[in-house]
Amino acid sequence: MSIKAAAVVPVKKILIESDPSGETFVMIQPASYKHELLRGEYLKARKFNVGVDNYSEEPAVNRYQFDAMEIWVSYPDIDVPCSIDIELEDETIVNPFKKRSEMTQTQFLAALGMLTYEVVKEWHKMVCEVNPGWGRPF
């Protein structure tokens, strides 16, 4: 008997709450062990001095930053990783999201920062639907 390899086909999720037209979507990479390792780097315990020779280990994670990291880790390297058009103040429409191999993590986070909290929250919700073990990191 053989063991199945991790899913490699990204899953399309419509951001219907953010765009009821159904035109806005994100593609989400199902997690392999490699993705779990990347995610785990953000959950490392950090030591805090709580007295003479006493240390406490607790995860020191910014929840919002962690959600953004999970979106980045599951962001696939495909030609159309998402369809998110953003209207700027001058009414210009942009889609700052490129293929993963064409963006750095910093560029991705800058693009993510152009979205409202509600859109990012819905995107993260879709990430957790595709990767159910990611719903409760702590």
N, C-alpha and C. Protein backbone atom coordinates (compact mmCIF):
# COMPACT_ATOMS: atom_id res chain seq x y z
N MET A 1 0.84 -1.17 0.00
CA MET A 1 0.00 0.00 0.00
C MET A 1 0.89 1.25 0.00
N SER A 2 0.48 2.27 -0.69
CA SER A 2 1.26 3.50 -0.76
C SER A 2 0.57 4.62 0.03
N ILE A 3 1.35 5.64 0.33
CA ILE A 3 0.85 6.81 1.04
C ILE A 3 0.65 7.91 0.02
N LYS A 4 -0.47 8.60 0.09
CA LYS A 4 -0.76 9.67 -0.85
C LYS A 4 0.11 10.89 -0.55
N ALA A 5 0.58 11.50 -1.62
CA ALA A 5 1.37 12.73 -1.49
C ALA A 5 0.44 13.88 -1.09
N ALA A 6 1.01 14.92 -0.53
CA ALA A 6 0.23 16.10 -0.17
C ALA A 6 -0.40 16.70 -1.42
N ALA A 7 -1.59 17.25 -1.27
CA ALA A 7 -2.29 17.87 -2.40
C ALA A 7 -1.44 19.02 -2.94
N VAL A 8 -1.31 19.09 -4.25
CA VAL A 8 -0.51 20.15 -4.86
C VAL A 8 -1.36 21.12 -5.68
N VAL A 9 -2.64 20.84 -5.79
CA VAL A 9 -3.50 21.67 -6.61
C VAL A 9 -4.17 22.74 -5.73
N PRO A 10 -3.90 24.02 -6.00
CA PRO A 10 -4.55 25.08 -5.23
C PRO A 10 -6.07 25.03 -5.38
N VAL A 11 -6.75 25.48 -4.34
CA VAL A 11 -8.20 25.47 -4.28
C VAL A 11 -8.70 26.90 -4.47
N LYS A 12 -9.69 27.06 -5.36
CA LYS A 12 -10.27 28.38 -5.60
C LYS A 12 -11.37 28.65 -4.59
N LYS A 13 -11.29 29.83 -3.95
CA LYS A 13 -12.30 30.25 -2.98
C LYS A 13 -12.80 31.64 -3.37
N ILE A 14 -14.11 31.78 -3.46
CA ILE A 14 -14.73 33.05 -3.79
C ILE A 14 -14.91 33.88 -2.52
N LEU A 15 -14.53 35.14 -2.55
CA LEU A 15 -14.72 36.03 -1.40
C LEU A 15 -16.08 36.71 -1.53
N ILE A 16 -17.11 35.93 -1.31
CA ILE A 16 -18.49 36.37 -1.55
C ILE A 16 -18.95 37.43 -0.55
N GLU A 17 -18.44 37.40 0.67
CA GLU A 17 -18.82 38.42 1.66
C GLU A 17 -18.24 39.77 1.27
N SER A 18 -17.04 39.77 0.72
CA SER A 18 -16.37 41.01 0.33
C SER A 18 -16.86 41.53 -1.01
N ASP A 19 -17.24 40.61 -1.88
CA ASP A 19 -17.71 40.99 -3.22
C ASP A 19 -18.85 40.05 -3.63
N PRO A 20 -20.10 40.46 -3.36
CA PRO A 20 -21.25 39.61 -3.67
C PRO A 20 -21.40 39.24 -5.15
N SER A 21 -20.68 39.92 -6.05
CA SER A 21 -20.75 39.58 -7.48
C SER A 21 -20.14 38.22 -7.76
N GLY A 22 -19.28 37.74 -6.86
CA GLY A 22 -18.62 36.45 -7.05
C GLY A 22 -17.39 36.51 -7.94
N GLU A 23 -16.98 37.71 -8.32
CA GLU A 23 -15.82 37.86 -9.20
C GLU A 23 -14.48 37.88 -8.47
N THR A 24 -14.51 38.13 -7.18
CA THR A 24 -13.26 38.21 -6.41
C THR A 24 -12.96 36.85 -5.80
N PHE A 25 -11.79 36.32 -6.14
CA PHE A 25 -11.43 35.01 -5.62
C PHE A 25 -9.96 34.97 -5.22
N VAL A 26 -9.65 33.96 -4.41
CA VAL A 26 -8.26 33.68 -4.03
C VAL A 26 -8.03 32.19 -4.27
N MET A 27 -6.81 31.86 -4.62
CA MET A 27 -6.40 30.47 -4.75
C MET A 27 -5.56 30.15 -3.52
N ILE A 28 -5.83 29.00 -2.91
CA ILE A 28 -5.17 28.64 -1.66
C ILE A 28 -4.50 27.28 -1.81
N GLN A 29 -3.23 27.25 -1.48
CA GLN A 29 -2.44 26.02 -1.55
C GLN A 29 -2.72 25.17 -0.31
N PRO A 30 -3.21 23.93 -0.49
CA PRO A 30 -3.34 23.05 0.67
C PRO A 30 -1.96 22.80 1.29
N ALA A 31 -1.94 22.71 2.60
CA ALA A 31 -0.67 22.61 3.32
C ALA A 31 -0.03 21.23 3.18
N SER A 32 1.24 21.24 2.87
CA SER A 32 2.07 20.04 2.94
C SER A 32 2.87 20.17 4.23
N TYR A 33 3.71 19.20 4.51
CA TYR A 33 4.54 19.29 5.71
C TYR A 33 5.48 20.48 5.63
N LYS A 34 5.93 20.80 4.42
CA LYS A 34 6.79 21.97 4.21
C LYS A 34 6.07 23.25 4.68
N HIS A 35 4.79 23.39 4.33
CA HIS A 35 4.02 24.55 4.76
C HIS A 35 3.85 24.57 6.28
N GLU A 36 3.65 23.39 6.85
CA GLU A 36 3.50 23.31 8.32
C GLU A 36 4.80 23.75 9.01
N LEU A 37 5.94 23.38 8.44
CA LEU A 37 7.22 23.81 9.01
C LEU A 37 7.38 25.33 8.95
N LEU A 38 7.01 25.93 7.82
CA LEU A 38 7.08 27.38 7.69
C LEU A 38 6.16 28.06 8.70
N ARG A 39 4.97 27.54 8.84
CA ARG A 39 4.00 28.08 9.80
C ARG A 39 4.52 27.93 11.22
N GLY A 40 5.12 26.80 11.52
CA GLY A 40 5.63 26.53 12.85
C GLY A 40 6.72 27.48 13.28
N GLU A 41 7.48 28.03 12.32
CA GLU A 41 8.53 28.99 12.66
C GLU A 41 7.96 30.21 13.39
N TYR A 42 6.71 30.56 13.08
CA TYR A 42 6.09 31.72 13.70
C TYR A 42 5.51 31.40 15.08
N LEU A 43 5.45 30.13 15.42
CA LEU A 43 4.88 29.72 16.71
C LEU A 43 5.93 29.27 17.71
N LYS A 44 7.19 29.54 17.41
CA LYS A 44 8.25 29.15 18.33
C LYS A 44 8.06 29.83 19.68
N ALA A 45 8.38 29.10 20.73
CA ALA A 45 8.32 29.69 22.07
C ALA A 45 9.50 30.64 22.25
N ARG A 46 9.26 31.70 22.95
CA ARG A 46 10.32 32.65 23.27
C ARG A 46 10.48 32.68 24.78
N LYS A 47 11.71 32.84 25.25
CA LYS A 47 11.97 32.83 26.69
C LYS A 47 11.92 34.25 27.25
N PHE A 48 11.24 34.35 28.38
CA PHE A 48 11.15 35.63 29.07
C PHE A 48 11.70 35.45 30.48
N ASN A 49 12.48 36.39 30.93
CA ASN A 49 13.03 36.35 32.28
C ASN A 49 11.94 36.76 33.26
N VAL A 50 11.58 35.86 34.16
CA VAL A 50 10.55 36.16 35.15
C VAL A 50 11.12 36.16 36.57
N GLY A 51 12.41 36.30 36.70
CA GLY A 51 13.06 36.31 37.99
C GLY A 51 14.47 35.77 37.86
N VAL A 52 15.18 35.71 38.94
CA VAL A 52 16.55 35.22 38.92
C VAL A 52 16.57 33.76 38.50
N ASP A 53 17.22 33.50 37.38
CA ASP A 53 17.37 32.15 36.83
C ASP A 53 16.04 31.44 36.54
N ASN A 54 14.97 32.18 36.43
CA ASN A 54 13.67 31.59 36.08
C ASN A 54 13.23 32.13 34.73
N TYR A 55 12.85 31.23 33.87
CA TYR A 55 12.40 31.63 32.54
C TYR A 55 11.05 31.00 32.27
N SER A 56 10.25 31.70 31.51
CA SER A 56 8.95 31.19 31.10
C SER A 56 8.95 31.15 29.58
N GLU A 57 8.37 30.11 29.01
CA GLU A 57 8.28 30.02 27.56
C GLU A 57 6.83 30.18 27.14
N GLU A 58 6.58 31.16 26.30
CA GLU A 58 5.25 31.40 25.78
C GLU A 58 5.37 31.84 24.33
N PRO A 59 4.40 31.46 23.52
CA PRO A 59 4.44 31.99 22.16
C PRO A 59 4.17 33.49 22.18
N ALA A 60 4.99 34.24 21.50
CA ALA A 60 4.81 35.69 21.42
C ALA A 60 4.44 36.01 19.97
N VAL A 61 3.15 35.96 19.68
CA VAL A 61 2.68 36.08 18.31
C VAL A 61 1.64 37.18 18.21
N ASN A 62 1.81 38.06 17.25
CA ASN A 62 0.79 39.04 16.92
C ASN A 62 -0.23 38.32 16.05
N ARG A 63 -1.45 38.20 16.51
CA ARG A 63 -2.49 37.42 15.82
C ARG A 63 -2.71 37.90 14.38
N TYR A 64 -2.72 39.19 14.17
CA TYR A 64 -2.97 39.73 12.83
C TYR A 64 -1.79 39.43 11.90
N GLN A 65 -0.59 39.56 12.43
CA GLN A 65 0.60 39.23 11.65
C GLN A 65 0.62 37.74 11.34
N PHE A 66 0.20 36.93 12.30
CA PHE A 66 0.16 35.49 12.10
C PHE A 66 -0.84 35.11 11.01
N ASP A 67 -2.01 35.74 11.01
CA ASP A 67 -3.01 35.48 9.96
C ASP A 67 -2.43 35.83 8.59
N ALA A 68 -1.74 36.98 8.51
CA ALA A 68 -1.13 37.40 7.24
C ALA A 68 -0.07 36.40 6.81
N MET A 69 0.69 35.88 7.77
CA MET A 69 1.72 34.89 7.45
C MET A 69 1.08 33.61 6.92
N GLU A 70 -0.03 33.19 7.52
CA GLU A 70 -0.70 31.98 7.04
C GLU A 70 -1.22 32.18 5.61
N ILE A 71 -1.70 33.37 5.32
CA ILE A 71 -2.14 33.66 3.95
C ILE A 71 -0.94 33.58 3.01
N TRP A 72 0.19 34.15 3.41
CA TRP A 72 1.41 34.11 2.59
C TRP A 72 1.89 32.69 2.37
N VAL A 73 1.94 31.89 3.42
CA VAL A 73 2.43 30.51 3.32
C VAL A 73 1.55 29.70 2.36
N SER A 74 0.25 29.99 2.34
CA SER A 74 -0.67 29.23 1.48
C SER A 74 -0.89 29.89 0.11
N TYR A 75 -0.17 30.97 -0.16
CA TYR A 75 -0.30 31.71 -1.42
C TYR A 75 0.45 30.93 -2.51
N PRO A 76 -0.26 30.47 -3.52
CA PRO A 76 0.38 29.59 -4.50
C PRO A 76 1.19 30.32 -5.56
N ASP A 77 2.13 29.61 -6.14
CA ASP A 77 2.96 30.14 -7.21
C ASP A 77 2.36 29.71 -8.55
N ILE A 78 1.24 30.34 -8.88
CA ILE A 78 0.55 30.06 -10.14
C ILE A 78 0.30 31.39 -10.86
N ASP A 79 -0.05 31.31 -12.13
CA ASP A 79 -0.20 32.52 -12.94
C ASP A 79 -1.25 33.49 -12.39
N VAL A 80 -2.38 32.97 -11.91
CA VAL A 80 -3.42 33.84 -11.36
C VAL A 80 -3.74 33.37 -9.94
N PRO A 81 -2.95 33.83 -8.97
CA PRO A 81 -3.15 33.37 -7.59
C PRO A 81 -4.38 33.98 -6.92
N CYS A 82 -4.87 35.09 -7.47
CA CYS A 82 -6.09 35.69 -6.95
C CYS A 82 -6.59 36.73 -7.93
N SER A 83 -7.84 37.08 -7.76
CA SER A 83 -8.43 38.15 -8.56
C SER A 83 -9.02 39.15 -7.57
N ILE A 84 -8.21 40.10 -7.18
CA ILE A 84 -8.65 41.12 -6.23
C ILE A 84 -8.31 42.48 -6.82
N ASP A 85 -9.35 43.17 -7.28
CA ASP A 85 -9.16 44.51 -7.80
C ASP A 85 -9.42 45.50 -6.68
N ILE A 86 -8.49 46.43 -6.50
CA ILE A 86 -8.57 47.42 -5.43
C ILE A 86 -8.73 48.79 -6.06
N GLU A 87 -9.76 49.51 -5.61
CA GLU A 87 -9.96 50.87 -6.10
C GLU A 87 -9.26 51.84 -5.16
N LEU A 88 -8.32 52.59 -5.71
CA LEU A 88 -7.57 53.56 -4.93
C LEU A 88 -8.37 54.86 -4.79
N GLU A 89 -7.87 55.77 -3.96
CA GLU A 89 -8.57 57.04 -3.72
C GLU A 89 -8.80 57.84 -5.00
N ASP A 90 -7.87 57.75 -5.96
CA ASP A 90 -8.03 58.48 -7.21
C ASP A 90 -8.87 57.70 -8.23
N GLU A 91 -9.54 56.64 -7.76
CA GLU A 91 -10.42 55.78 -8.56
C GLU A 91 -9.69 54.87 -9.54
N THR A 92 -8.36 54.81 -9.45
CA THR A 92 -7.57 53.87 -10.24
C THR A 92 -7.80 52.48 -9.68
N ILE A 93 -7.94 51.49 -10.56
CA ILE A 93 -8.12 50.10 -10.15
C ILE A 93 -6.79 49.37 -10.33
N VAL A 94 -6.34 48.70 -9.26
CA VAL A 94 -5.09 47.94 -9.32
C VAL A 94 -5.31 46.54 -8.75
N ASN A 95 -4.49 45.62 -9.20
CA ASN A 95 -4.41 44.29 -8.58
C ASN A 95 -2.93 44.08 -8.28
N PRO A 96 -2.51 44.36 -7.03
CA PRO A 96 -1.09 44.30 -6.71
C PRO A 96 -0.56 42.90 -6.47
N PHE A 97 -1.42 41.90 -6.52
CA PHE A 97 -1.00 40.53 -6.22
C PHE A 97 -0.51 39.83 -7.49
N LYS A 98 0.74 39.39 -7.44
CA LYS A 98 1.37 38.71 -8.57
C LYS A 98 1.60 37.25 -8.21
N LYS A 99 2.11 36.52 -9.14
CA LYS A 99 2.55 35.15 -8.90
C LYS A 99 3.54 35.15 -7.74
N ARG A 100 3.48 34.17 -6.87
CA ARG A 100 4.32 34.15 -5.66
C ARG A 100 5.80 34.33 -5.97
N SER A 101 6.29 33.68 -7.01
CA SER A 101 7.72 33.77 -7.33
C SER A 101 8.12 35.16 -7.84
N GLU A 102 7.13 36.00 -8.11
CA GLU A 102 7.40 37.36 -8.59
C GLU A 102 7.22 38.41 -7.49
N MET A 103 6.96 37.95 -6.26
CA MET A 103 6.76 38.86 -5.13
C MET A 103 7.63 38.41 -3.96
N THR A 104 8.13 39.35 -3.22
CA THR A 104 8.77 39.01 -1.95
C THR A 104 7.66 39.00 -0.89
N GLN A 105 7.97 38.46 0.26
CA GLN A 105 6.99 38.46 1.35
C GLN A 105 6.65 39.90 1.73
N THR A 106 7.63 40.78 1.73
CA THR A 106 7.40 42.18 2.06
C THR A 106 6.45 42.83 1.06
N GLN A 107 6.63 42.56 -0.23
CA GLN A 107 5.73 43.10 -1.25
C GLN A 107 4.32 42.53 -1.08
N PHE A 108 4.23 41.26 -0.74
CA PHE A 108 2.93 40.64 -0.53
C PHE A 108 2.22 41.30 0.65
N LEU A 109 2.93 41.50 1.75
CA LEU A 109 2.33 42.11 2.93
C LEU A 109 1.91 43.55 2.65
N ALA A 110 2.67 44.26 1.83
CA ALA A 110 2.29 45.62 1.44
C ALA A 110 0.99 45.59 0.63
N ALA A 111 0.87 44.63 -0.28
CA ALA A 111 -0.36 44.49 -1.06
C ALA A 111 -1.53 44.12 -0.15
N LEU A 112 -1.29 43.20 0.77
CA LEU A 112 -2.33 42.79 1.72
C LEU A 112 -2.77 43.99 2.56
N GLY A 113 -1.83 44.86 2.88
CA GLY A 113 -2.12 46.06 3.66
C GLY A 113 -3.01 47.06 2.95
N MET A 114 -3.19 46.91 1.65
CA MET A 114 -4.08 47.79 0.90
C MET A 114 -5.54 47.38 1.06
N LEU A 115 -5.77 46.19 1.60
CA LEU A 115 -7.13 45.68 1.75
C LEU A 115 -7.72 46.08 3.10
N THR A 116 -9.03 46.04 3.17
CA THR A 116 -9.69 46.29 4.46
C THR A 116 -9.54 45.07 5.35
N TYR A 117 -9.72 45.29 6.63
CA TYR A 117 -9.64 44.19 7.60
C TYR A 117 -10.63 43.09 7.24
N GLU A 118 -11.82 43.46 6.81
CA GLU A 118 -12.87 42.48 6.50
C GLU A 118 -12.45 41.56 5.35
N VAL A 119 -11.80 42.10 4.34
CA VAL A 119 -11.36 41.28 3.21
C VAL A 119 -10.27 40.32 3.65
N VAL A 120 -9.29 40.81 4.41
CA VAL A 120 -8.21 39.95 4.89
C VAL A 120 -8.77 38.87 5.81
N LYS A 121 -9.71 39.24 6.64
CA LYS A 121 -10.34 38.28 7.56
C LYS A 121 -11.05 37.17 6.75
N GLU A 122 -11.77 37.55 5.69
CA GLU A 122 -12.44 36.54 4.87
C GLU A 122 -11.42 35.67 4.15
N TRP A 123 -10.35 36.26 3.64
CA TRP A 123 -9.30 35.49 2.96
C TRP A 123 -8.71 34.47 3.94
N HIS A 124 -8.42 34.92 5.16
CA HIS A 124 -7.86 34.01 6.16
C HIS A 124 -8.86 32.90 6.50
N LYS A 125 -10.12 33.24 6.55
CA LYS A 125 -11.17 32.23 6.81
C LYS A 125 -11.12 31.14 5.74
N MET A 126 -10.91 31.54 4.49
CA MET A 126 -10.81 30.58 3.39
C MET A 126 -9.55 29.71 3.52
N VAL A 127 -8.46 30.31 3.98
CA VAL A 127 -7.22 29.56 4.21
C VAL A 127 -7.50 28.45 5.23
N CYS A 128 -8.23 28.79 6.28
CA CYS A 128 -8.54 27.81 7.33
C CYS A 128 -9.54 26.75 6.85
N GLU A 129 -10.38 27.08 5.88
CA GLU A 129 -11.27 26.06 5.30
C GLU A 129 -10.47 25.03 4.51
N VAL A 130 -9.48 25.52 3.77
CA VAL A 130 -8.65 24.61 2.98
C VAL A 130 -7.68 23.84 3.87
N ASN A 131 -7.21 24.48 4.93
CA ASN A 131 -6.27 23.88 5.88
C ASN A 131 -6.90 23.90 7.28
N PRO A 132 -7.83 22.98 7.56
CA PRO A 132 -8.61 23.05 8.80
C PRO A 132 -7.77 23.04 10.08
N GLY A 133 -6.63 22.43 10.08
CA GLY A 133 -5.78 22.41 11.27
C GLY A 133 -5.21 23.77 11.63
N TRP A 134 -5.35 24.74 10.76
CA TRP A 134 -4.80 26.06 11.00
C TRP A 134 -5.78 26.98 11.73
N GLY A 135 -6.95 26.51 12.00
CA GLY A 135 -7.97 27.36 12.64
C GLY A 135 -7.64 27.78 14.05
N ARG A 136 -6.90 26.95 14.77
CA ARG A 136 -6.58 27.25 16.17
C ARG A 136 -5.09 27.02 16.39
N PRO A 137 -4.27 28.03 16.16
CA PRO A 137 -2.83 27.81 16.23
C PRO A 137 -2.27 27.64 17.63
N PHE A 138 -2.99 28.04 18.63
CA PHE A 138 -2.43 28.02 19.97
C PHE A 138 -3.00 26.87 20.73
